[in-house]
C-alpha atoms as a PDB file:
ATOM      1  CA  MET A   1       0.500  -3.450   3.661  1.00  0.00           C
ATOM      2  CA  GLY A   2       2.580  -0.354   4.222  1.00  0.00           C
ATOM      3  CA  LEU A   3       5.373   0.692   6.548  1.00  0.00           C
ATOM      4  CA  GLY A   4       5.208  -0.960   9.967  1.00  0.00           C
ATOM      5  CA  MET A   5       1.544  -1.955   9.613  1.00  0.00           C
ATOM      6  CA  ARG A   6       0.022  -5.390  10.125  1.00  0.00           C
ATOM      7  CA  GLY A   7      -1.872  -7.033   7.283  1.00  0.00           C
ATOM      8  CA  GLU A   8      -5.133  -6.803   9.180  1.00  0.00           C
ATOM      9  CA  VAL A   9      -5.058  -3.011   8.785  1.00  0.00           C
ATOM     10  CA  TRP A  10      -6.736  -3.894   5.456  1.00  0.00           C
ATOM     11  CA  LYS A  11      -9.903  -4.401   7.537  1.00  0.00           C
ATOM     12  CA  PRO A  12     -12.063  -1.945   5.532  1.00  0.00           C
ATOM     13  CA  GLN A  13     -11.272  -3.989   2.412  1.00  0.00           C
ATOM     14  CA  LEU A  14     -11.520  -7.362   4.160  1.00  0.00           C
ATOM     15  CA  ASP A  15     -14.996  -6.431   5.401  1.00  0.00           C
ATOM     16  CA  GLY A  16     -16.066  -4.826   2.135  1.00  0.00           C
ATOM     17  CA  LEU A  17     -14.799  -7.446  -0.318  1.00  0.00           C
ATOM     18  CA  GLN A  18     -15.179 -10.750   1.540  1.00  0.00           C
ATOM     19  CA  ASP A  19     -18.564 -11.516  -0.038  1.00  0.00           C
ATOM     20  CA  HIS A  20     -17.099 -11.080  -3.537  1.00  0.00           C
ATOM     21  CA  CYS A  21     -13.561 -12.494  -3.404  1.00  0.00           C
ATOM     22  CA  GLN A  22     -11.284 -14.907  -1.666  1.00  0.00           C
ATOM     23  CA  LEU A  23      -8.928 -12.680   0.311  1.00  0.00           C
ATOM     24  CA  LEU A  24      -5.403 -13.231   1.580  1.00  0.00           C
ATOM     25  CA  HIS A  25      -3.495 -10.761   3.758  1.00  0.00           C
ATOM     26  CA  PHE A  26      -0.327 -11.215   5.775  1.00  0.00           C
ATOM     27  CA  ASP A  27       2.226  -9.434   7.956  1.00  0.00           C
ATOM     28  CA  ASN A  28       5.402  -8.264   6.274  1.00  0.00           C
ATOM     29  CA  ARG A  29       8.656  -9.503   7.771  1.00  0.00           C
ATOM     30  CA  GLY A  30       9.319  -8.064  11.225  1.00  0.00           C
ATOM     31  CA  VAL A  31       5.687  -7.061  11.802  1.00  0.00           C
ATOM     32  CA  GLY A  32       2.953  -8.749  13.822  1.00  0.00           C
ATOM     33  CA  GLU A  33       3.129 -12.549  13.656  1.00  0.00           C
ATOM     34  CA  SER A  34       5.902 -12.787  11.055  1.00  0.00           C
ATOM     35  CA  ASP A  35       9.586 -13.576  11.590  1.00  0.00           C
ATOM     36  CA  ASN A  36      12.053 -10.908  12.650  1.00  0.00           C
ATOM     37  CA  ILE A  37      14.116  -8.951  10.151  1.00  0.00           C
ATOM     38  CA  GLY A  38      17.808  -9.750   9.828  1.00  0.00           C
ATOM     39  CA  GLU A  39      20.573  -7.266   9.133  1.00  0.00           C
ATOM     40  CA  PHE A  40      19.512  -6.440   5.566  1.00  0.00           C
ATOM     41  CA  LEU A  41      16.102  -6.021   3.968  1.00  0.00           C
ATOM     42  CA  SER A  42      15.093  -5.044   0.443  1.00  0.00           C
ATOM     43  CA  MET A  43      11.832  -4.725  -1.467  1.00  0.00           C
ATOM     44  CA  GLN A  44      12.870  -7.838  -3.370  1.00  0.00           C
ATOM     45  CA  ASP A  45      13.172  -9.724  -0.061  1.00  0.00           C
ATOM     46  CA  MET A  46       9.663  -8.701   0.938  1.00  0.00           C
ATOM     47  CA  ALA A  47       8.347  -9.561  -2.526  1.00  0.00           C
ATOM     48  CA  ARG A  48       9.855 -13.040  -2.238  1.00  0.00           C
ATOM     49  CA  ASP A  49       8.223 -13.358   1.193  1.00  0.00           C
ATOM     50  CA  ALA A  50       4.866 -12.519  -0.394  1.00  0.00           C
ATOM     51  CA  ALA A  51       5.463 -15.086  -3.150  1.00  0.00           C
ATOM     52  CA  ARG A  52       6.104 -17.754  -0.516  1.00  0.00           C
ATOM     53  CA  VAL A  53       2.827 -16.850   1.186  1.00  0.00           C
ATOM     54  CA  LEU A  54       1.026 -17.272  -2.147  1.00  0.00           C
ATOM     55  CA  ASP A  55       2.784 -20.595  -2.726  1.00  0.00           C
ATOM     56  CA  ALA A  56       1.775 -21.841   0.727  1.00  0.00           C
ATOM     57  CA  ALA A  57      -1.834 -20.861   0.016  1.00  0.00           C
ATOM     58  CA  GLY A  58      -1.752 -22.593  -3.362  1.00  0.00           C
ATOM     59  CA  TRP A  59      -2.508 -19.375  -5.248  1.00  0.00           C
ATOM     60  CA  SER A  60      -0.557 -19.845  -8.464  1.00  0.00           C
ATOM     61  CA  GLU A  61      -2.672 -17.976 -11.033  1.00  0.00           C
ATOM     62  CA  ASP A  62      -5.430 -15.402 -11.541  1.00  0.00           C
ATOM     63  CA  VAL A  63      -4.507 -13.507  -8.368  1.00  0.00           C
ATOM     64  CA  HIS A  64      -5.390  -9.810  -8.075  1.00  0.00           C
ATOM     65  CA  LEU A  65      -2.470  -8.089  -6.352  1.00  0.00           C
ATOM     66  CA  VAL A  66      -3.112  -4.939  -4.294  1.00  0.00           C
ATOM     67  CA  GLY A  67      -0.473  -2.959  -2.392  1.00  0.00           C
ATOM     68  CA  VAL A  68      -0.631   0.317  -0.479  1.00  0.00           C
ATOM     69  CA  SER A  69       2.309   2.676   0.156  1.00  0.00           C
ATOM     70  CA  MET A  70       5.352   0.466   0.916  1.00  0.00           C
ATOM     71  CA  GLY A  71       3.107  -2.468   0.001  1.00  0.00           C
ATOM     72  CA  GLY A  72       2.730  -0.902  -3.440  1.00  0.00           C
ATOM     73  CA  MET A  73       6.512  -0.908  -3.797  1.00  0.00           C
ATOM     74  CA  ILE A  74       6.623  -4.576  -2.785  1.00  0.00           C
ATOM     75  CA  SER A  75       3.835  -5.269  -5.276  1.00  0.00           C
ATOM     76  CA  GLN A  76       5.807  -3.692  -8.117  1.00  0.00           C
ATOM     77  CA  GLU A  77       8.728  -6.039  -7.429  1.00  0.00           C
ATOM     78  CA  LEU A  78       6.422  -9.023  -7.004  1.00  0.00           C
ATOM     79  CA  ALA A  79       4.658  -8.320 -10.299  1.00  0.00           C
ATOM     80  CA  LEU A  80       7.981  -7.912 -12.087  1.00  0.00           C
ATOM     81  CA  PHE A  81       9.447 -11.282 -11.090  1.00  0.00           C
ATOM     82  CA  SER A  82       6.272 -13.382 -10.816  1.00  0.00           C
ATOM     83  CA  GLN A  83       3.948 -11.720 -13.291  1.00  0.00           C
ATOM     84  CA  GLU A  84       2.474 -14.925 -14.675  1.00  0.00           C
ATOM     85  CA  ARG A  85       0.516 -15.689 -11.502  1.00  0.00           C
ATOM     86  CA  PHE A  86      -1.412 -12.391 -11.477  1.00  0.00           C
ATOM     87  CA  ALA A  87      -4.569 -11.252 -13.234  1.00  0.00           C
ATOM     88  CA  SER A  88      -4.226  -7.605 -12.230  1.00  0.00           C
ATOM     89  CA  LEU A  89      -2.206  -5.134 -10.202  1.00  0.00           C
ATOM     90  CA  THR A  90      -3.414  -2.233  -8.044  1.00  0.00           C
ATOM     91  CA  LEU A  91      -0.982   0.330  -6.637  1.00  0.00           C
ATOM     92  CA  VAL A  92      -2.366   2.593  -3.919  1.00  0.00           C
ATOM     93  CA  ALA A  93      -0.682   5.815  -2.701  1.00  0.00           C
ATOM     94  CA  THR A  94       2.798   4.659  -3.694  1.00  0.00           C
ATOM     95  CA  HIS A  95       5.749   5.502  -5.961  1.00  0.00           C
ATOM     96  CA  PRO A  96       8.314   3.915  -8.319  1.00  0.00           C
ATOM     97  CA  GLY A  97      11.351   5.100  -6.382  1.00  0.00           C
ATOM     98  CA  GLY A  98      14.372   7.168  -7.239  1.00  0.00           C
ATOM     99  CA  PRO A  99      16.844   9.349  -5.316  1.00  0.00           C
ATOM    100  CA  THR A 100      14.359  11.586  -3.448  1.00  0.00           C
ATOM    101  CA  SER A 101      11.010   9.890  -4.067  1.00  0.00           C
ATOM    102  CA  TRP A 102      10.934   8.444  -0.560  1.00  0.00           C
ATOM    103  CA  LEU A 103      10.997  11.914   1.021  1.00  0.00           C
ATOM    104  CA  PRO A 104       7.545  13.222   1.963  1.00  0.00           C
ATOM    105  CA  PRO A 105       6.662  16.906   1.616  1.00  0.00           C
ATOM    106  CA  ALA A 106       7.839  19.052   4.549  1.00  0.00           C
ATOM    107  CA  LEU A 107       4.533  18.799   6.434  1.00  0.00           C
ATOM    108  CA  GLY A 108       4.579  15.027   6.041  1.00  0.00           C
ATOM    109  CA  ILE A 109       8.138  14.802   7.411  1.00  0.00           C
ATOM    110  CA  ALA A 110       7.193  16.852  10.472  1.00  0.00           C
ATOM    111  CA  ARG A 111       4.141  14.726  11.202  1.00  0.00           C
ATOM    112  CA  PHE A 112       5.973  11.454  10.557  1.00  0.00           C
ATOM    113  CA  LEU A 113       8.637  12.466  13.077  1.00  0.00           C
ATOM    114  CA  ALA A 114       5.908  13.364  15.576  1.00  0.00           C
ATOM    115  CA  VAL A 115       4.505   9.851  15.224  1.00  0.00           C
ATOM    116  CA  GLN A 116       7.884   8.189  15.652  1.00  0.00           C
ATOM    117  CA  PHE A 117       9.483  10.358  18.307  1.00  0.00           C
ATOM    118  CA  GLY A 118       6.799  12.522  19.868  1.00  0.00           C
ATOM    119  CA  PRO A 119       5.285  12.034  23.340  1.00  0.00           C
ATOM    120  CA  PRO A 120       3.569   8.614  23.500  1.00  0.00           C
ATOM    121  CA  GLU A 121       0.256  10.167  24.536  1.00  0.00           C
ATOM    122  CA  LYS A 122       0.298  12.346  21.389  1.00  0.00           C
ATOM    123  CA  ARG A 123       1.297   9.719  18.825  1.00  0.00           C
ATOM    124  CA  THR A 124      -2.208   8.556  17.948  1.00  0.00           C
ATOM    125  CA  GLU A 125      -3.285  12.125  17.262  1.00  0.00           C
ATOM    126  CA  ALA A 126      -0.099  12.700  15.252  1.00  0.00           C
ATOM    127  CA  MET A 127      -0.772   9.585  13.191  1.00  0.00           C
ATOM    128  CA  ALA A 128      -4.306  10.764  12.407  1.00  0.00           C
ATOM    129  CA  LYS A 129      -2.959  14.127  11.203  1.00  0.00           C
ATOM    130  CA  LEU A 130      -0.385  12.317   9.053  1.00  0.00           C
ATOM    131  CA  LEU A 131      -2.918  10.033   7.389  1.00  0.00           C
ATOM    132  CA  TYR A 132      -6.007  12.205   7.025  1.00  0.00           C
ATOM    133  CA  PRO A 133      -6.684  15.758   5.826  1.00  0.00           C
ATOM    134  CA  LYS A 134      -8.177  18.274   8.233  1.00  0.00           C
ATOM    135  CA  SER A 135     -11.489  18.332   6.358  1.00  0.00           C
ATOM    136  CA  PHE A 136     -11.950  14.625   7.067  1.00  0.00           C
ATOM    137  CA  LEU A 137     -10.832  14.865  10.688  1.00  0.00           C
ATOM    138  CA  ASP A 138     -13.314  17.694  11.261  1.00  0.00           C
ATOM    139  CA  SER A 139     -16.267  15.818   9.785  1.00  0.00           C
ATOM    140  CA  CYS A 140     -15.711  12.096  10.441  1.00  0.00           C
ATOM    141  CA  ASP A 141     -17.268   9.894  13.092  1.00  0.00           C
ATOM    142  CA  ARG A 142     -14.833  10.441  15.968  1.00  0.00           C
ATOM    143  CA  GLU A 143     -15.577   7.089  17.594  1.00  0.00           C
ATOM    144  CA  GLN A 144     -14.912   5.201  14.368  1.00  0.00           C
ATOM    145  CA  LEU A 145     -11.710   7.162  13.853  1.00  0.00           C
ATOM    146  CA  HIS A 146     -10.587   6.472  17.420  1.00  0.00           C
ATOM    147  CA  GLN A 147     -11.184   2.747  16.929  1.00  0.00           C
ATOM    148  CA  ARG A 148      -9.254   2.807  13.669  1.00  0.00           C
ATOM    149  CA  MET A 149      -6.284   4.657  15.128  1.00  0.00           C
ATOM    150  CA  THR A 150      -6.178   2.430  18.203  1.00  0.00           C
ATOM    151  CA  PHE A 151      -6.268  -0.587  15.890  1.00  0.00           C
ATOM    152  CA  GLN A 152      -3.378   0.725  13.776  1.00  0.00           C
ATOM    153  CA  MET A 153      -1.222   1.860  16.671  1.00  0.00           C
ATOM    154  CA  GLY A 154      -1.930  -1.085  18.950  1.00  0.00           C
ATOM    155  CA  SER A 155       0.971  -3.296  17.884  1.00  0.00           C
ATOM    156  CA  ARG A 156       3.889  -1.143  16.818  1.00  0.00           C
ATOM    157  CA  PRO A 157       6.905  -2.982  15.390  1.00  0.00           C
ATOM    158  CA  ARG A 158      10.335  -2.767  16.947  1.00  0.00           C
ATOM    159  CA  ARG A 159      12.457   0.231  15.987  1.00  0.00           C
ATOM    160  CA  HIS A 160      14.851  -2.181  14.231  1.00  0.00           C
ATOM    161  CA  THR A 161      12.014  -3.208  11.896  1.00  0.00           C
ATOM    162  CA  MET A 162      11.093   0.380  11.097  1.00  0.00           C
ATOM    163  CA  LYS A 163      14.729   1.233  10.405  1.00  0.00           C
ATOM    164  CA  LYS A 164      15.187  -1.672   7.987  1.00  0.00           C
ATOM    165  CA  GLN A 165      11.877  -1.075   6.211  1.00  0.00           C
ATOM    166  CA  LEU A 166      12.712   2.618   5.793  1.00  0.00           C
ATOM    167  CA  ALA A 167      16.104   1.663   4.348  1.00  0.00           C
ATOM    168  CA  ALA A 168      14.361  -0.623   1.856  1.00  0.00           C
ATOM    169  CA  ILE A 169      12.046   2.239   0.867  1.00  0.00           C
ATOM    170  CA  ARG A 170      15.029   4.535   0.278  1.00  0.00           C
ATOM    171  CA  ARG A 171      16.636   1.941  -2.039  1.00  0.00           C
ATOM    172  CA  HIS A 172      13.427   1.141  -3.921  1.00  0.00           C
ATOM    173  CA  ASP A 173      13.647   1.917  -7.652  1.00  0.00           C
ATOM    174  CA  THR A 174      11.576   0.327 -10.406  1.00  0.00           C
ATOM    175  CA  ARG A 175      11.576   3.333 -12.758  1.00  0.00           C
ATOM    176  CA  GLN A 176      13.481   1.662 -15.576  1.00  0.00           C
ATOM    177  CA  ARG A 177      11.531  -1.603 -15.300  1.00  0.00           C
ATOM    178  CA  LEU A 178       7.922  -0.409 -15.150  1.00  0.00           C
ATOM    179  CA  GLY A 179       7.570  -0.925 -18.900  1.00  0.00           C
ATOM    180  CA  GLN A 180       7.974  -4.668 -18.323  1.00  0.00           C
ATOM    181  CA  ILE A 181       4.650  -4.821 -16.446  1.00  0.00           C
ATOM    182  CA  TYR A 182       1.937  -5.992 -18.828  1.00  0.00           C
ATOM    183  CA  LEU A 183      -0.773  -6.572 -16.222  1.00  0.00           C
ATOM    184  CA  PRO A 184      -3.956  -4.505 -16.231  1.00  0.00           C
ATOM    185  CA  THR A 185      -2.975  -1.963 -13.592  1.00  0.00           C
ATOM    186  CA  LEU A 186      -5.041   0.417 -11.484  1.00  0.00           C
ATOM    187  CA  ILE A 187      -3.276   3.309  -9.773  1.00  0.00           C
ATOM    188  CA  ILE A 188      -5.153   5.004  -6.937  1.00  0.00           C
ATOM    189  CA  LYS A 189      -4.058   8.574  -6.254  1.00  0.00           C
ATOM    190  CA  PRO A 190      -5.140  10.440  -3.093  1.00  0.00           C
ATOM    191  CA  GLU A 191      -4.696  14.109  -3.955  1.00  0.00           C
ATOM    192  CA  LEU A 192      -4.221  15.288  -0.342  1.00  0.00           C
ATOM    193  CA  ASP A 193      -1.553  12.741   0.607  1.00  0.00           C
ATOM    194  CA  ILE A 194       1.262  14.348   2.630  1.00  0.00           C
ATOM    195  CA  LEU A 195       3.276  11.150   3.121  1.00  0.00           C
ATOM    196  CA  VAL A 196       3.718  10.040  -0.517  1.00  0.00           C
ATOM    197  CA  ASN A 197       3.657  12.873  -3.035  1.00  0.00           C
ATOM    198  CA  PRO A 198       0.547  12.352  -5.216  1.00  0.00           C
ATOM    199  CA  GLN A 199       2.557  13.221  -8.333  1.00  0.00           C
ATOM    200  CA  HIS A 200       4.328   9.876  -8.026  1.00  0.00           C
ATOM    201  CA  SER A 201       1.070   8.235  -9.115  1.00  0.00           C
ATOM    202  CA  GLU A 202       1.385  10.093 -12.412  1.00  0.00           C
ATOM    203  CA  ARG A 203       4.913   8.716 -12.816  1.00  0.00           C
ATOM    204  CA  LEU A 204       3.616   5.187 -12.301  1.00  0.00           C
ATOM    205  CA  LYS A 205       0.875   5.690 -14.867  1.00  0.00           C
ATOM    206  CA  ARG A 206       3.345   6.975 -17.448  1.00  0.00           C
ATOM    207  CA  GLY A 207       5.625   4.006 -16.852  1.00  0.00           C
ATOM    208  CA  ILE A 208       3.115   1.141 -16.889  1.00  0.00           C
ATOM    209  CA  ARG A 209       1.305   0.204 -20.060  1.00  0.00           C
ATOM    210  CA  HIS A 210      -2.438  -0.449 -19.709  1.00  0.00           C
ATOM    211  CA  ALA A 211      -2.545   1.539 -16.465  1.00  0.00           C
ATOM    212  CA  SER A 212      -5.663   3.441 -15.450  1.00  0.00           C
ATOM    213  CA  MET A 213      -6.002   5.874 -12.582  1.00  0.00           C
ATOM    214  CA  MET A 214      -8.550   6.599  -9.870  1.00  0.00           C
ATOM    215  CA  VAL A 215      -8.161  10.069  -8.355  1.00  0.00           C
ATOM    216  CA  LEU A 216      -9.580  10.800  -4.906  1.00  0.00           C
ATOM    217  CA  PRO A 217      -9.459  14.612  -4.639  1.00  0.00           C
ATOM    218  CA  ASP A 218     -10.294  14.822  -0.915  1.00  0.00           C
ATOM    219  CA  ALA A 219      -8.353  11.805   0.379  1.00  0.00           C
ATOM    220  CA  GLY A 220      -5.090  11.538   2.297  1.00  0.00           C
ATOM    221  CA  HIS A 221      -2.655   8.666   2.744  1.00  0.00           C
ATOM    222  CA  GLY A 222      -5.200   6.812   4.890  1.00  0.00           C
ATOM    223  CA  LEU A 223      -7.588   6.477   1.964  1.00  0.00           C
ATOM    224  CA  ILE A 224      -8.274   2.770   2.465  1.00  0.00           C
ATOM    225  CA  PHE A 225     -10.220   3.798   5.578  1.00  0.00           C
ATOM    226  CA  GLN A 226     -11.261   7.333   4.666  1.00  0.00           C
ATOM    227  CA  SER A 227     -12.578   6.372   1.208  1.00  0.00           C
ATOM    228  CA  ALA A 228     -13.170   2.669   1.797  1.00  0.00           C
ATOM    229  CA  GLN A 229     -16.450   2.367  -0.097  1.00  0.00           C
ATOM    230  CA  GLU A 230     -15.147   4.164  -3.188  1.00  0.00           C
ATOM    231  CA  VAL A 231     -11.915   2.176  -3.137  1.00  0.00           C
ATOM    232  CA  ASN A 232     -13.692  -1.154  -2.669  1.00  0.00           C
ATOM    233  CA  GLU A 233     -16.152  -0.501  -5.488  1.00  0.00           C
ATOM    234  CA  ARG A 234     -13.349   0.489  -7.847  1.00  0.00           C
ATOM    235  CA  LEU A 235     -11.300  -2.577  -6.903  1.00  0.00           C
ATOM    236  CA  LEU A 236     -14.199  -4.876  -7.764  1.00  0.00           C
ATOM    237  CA  GLU A 237     -14.647  -3.118 -11.112  1.00  0.00           C
ATOM    238  CA  HIS A 238     -10.941  -3.475 -11.819  1.00  0.00           C
ATOM    239  CA  PHE A 239     -10.890  -7.159 -10.893  1.00  0.00           C
ATOM    240  CA  ALA A 240     -13.876  -7.863 -13.148  1.00  0.00           C
ATOM    241  CA  SER A 241     -12.491  -5.965 -16.137  1.00  0.00           C
ATOM    242  CA  ALA A 242      -9.085  -7.645 -15.802  1.00  0.00           C
ATOM    243  CA  ALA A 243     -10.473 -11.197 -15.790  1.00  0.00           C
ATOM    244  CA  GLY A 244     -10.891 -13.519 -18.738  1.00  0.00           C
ATOM    245  CA  PRO A 245     -10.604 -12.106 -22.277  1.00  0.00           C
ATOM    246  CA  ALA A 246      -9.208  -8.773 -21.096  1.00  0.00           C
ATOM    247  CA  LYS A 247      -6.300 -10.555 -19.418  1.00  0.00           C
ATOM    248  CA  GLN A 248      -5.510 -12.606 -22.529  1.00  0.00           C
ATOM    249  CA  ALA A 249      -5.671  -9.529 -24.745  1.00  0.00           C
ATOM    250  CA  THR A 250      -3.249  -7.702 -22.473  1.00  0.00           C
ATOM    251  CA  ARG A 251      -0.846 -10.602 -22.565  1.00  0.00           C
END
């Protein structure tokens, strides 16, 4: 999962995929039920945490790895050092890092700051405007959206956690190592994302062999809720195509 979010924010995928797959989600360090963050945190640390979760679950091979936003950065590191256990990789609304990659466009910065530092009674509305384009906010089921936003904002991590996770995002850089990823990889690009520049998806595709891309022209950073059905259907297709002979051929 992404910055400051609990693993159960994957609910649209947990509900949509549970009849087709065994699913495993978890809270990144410092979030929800997990241990607190120490004085230093890197993407590699969080990737090793994820590997320990997989070890504890006994998932040692044929795992389909999916990460969104910061979770996509963690997933890149996890795939790079433990590639043999995975059947496929999916990177959603994320980037490969670099000096300024972590900076959102100006509108995204303004709305992110409103979420973090604005009046408490306005933060849920600010989060919705950060994650979803106006066209979706104007047309969606308001009750469903309210439930989703309450769910996401209901257990905010400590400011220390956010600070350390943001520092890890700023240091993230897999640009020179993407060519080492041989897994069948799906990159999902929401064209109206104002938190992670959509062009970073193109950089990932250029860097990873065997990568394919799904473009969602009307989706924002909150695509796993906004476009849940499309995302879930494409994930299942990707998992199926990556299994068996396709995996061996890629290796």
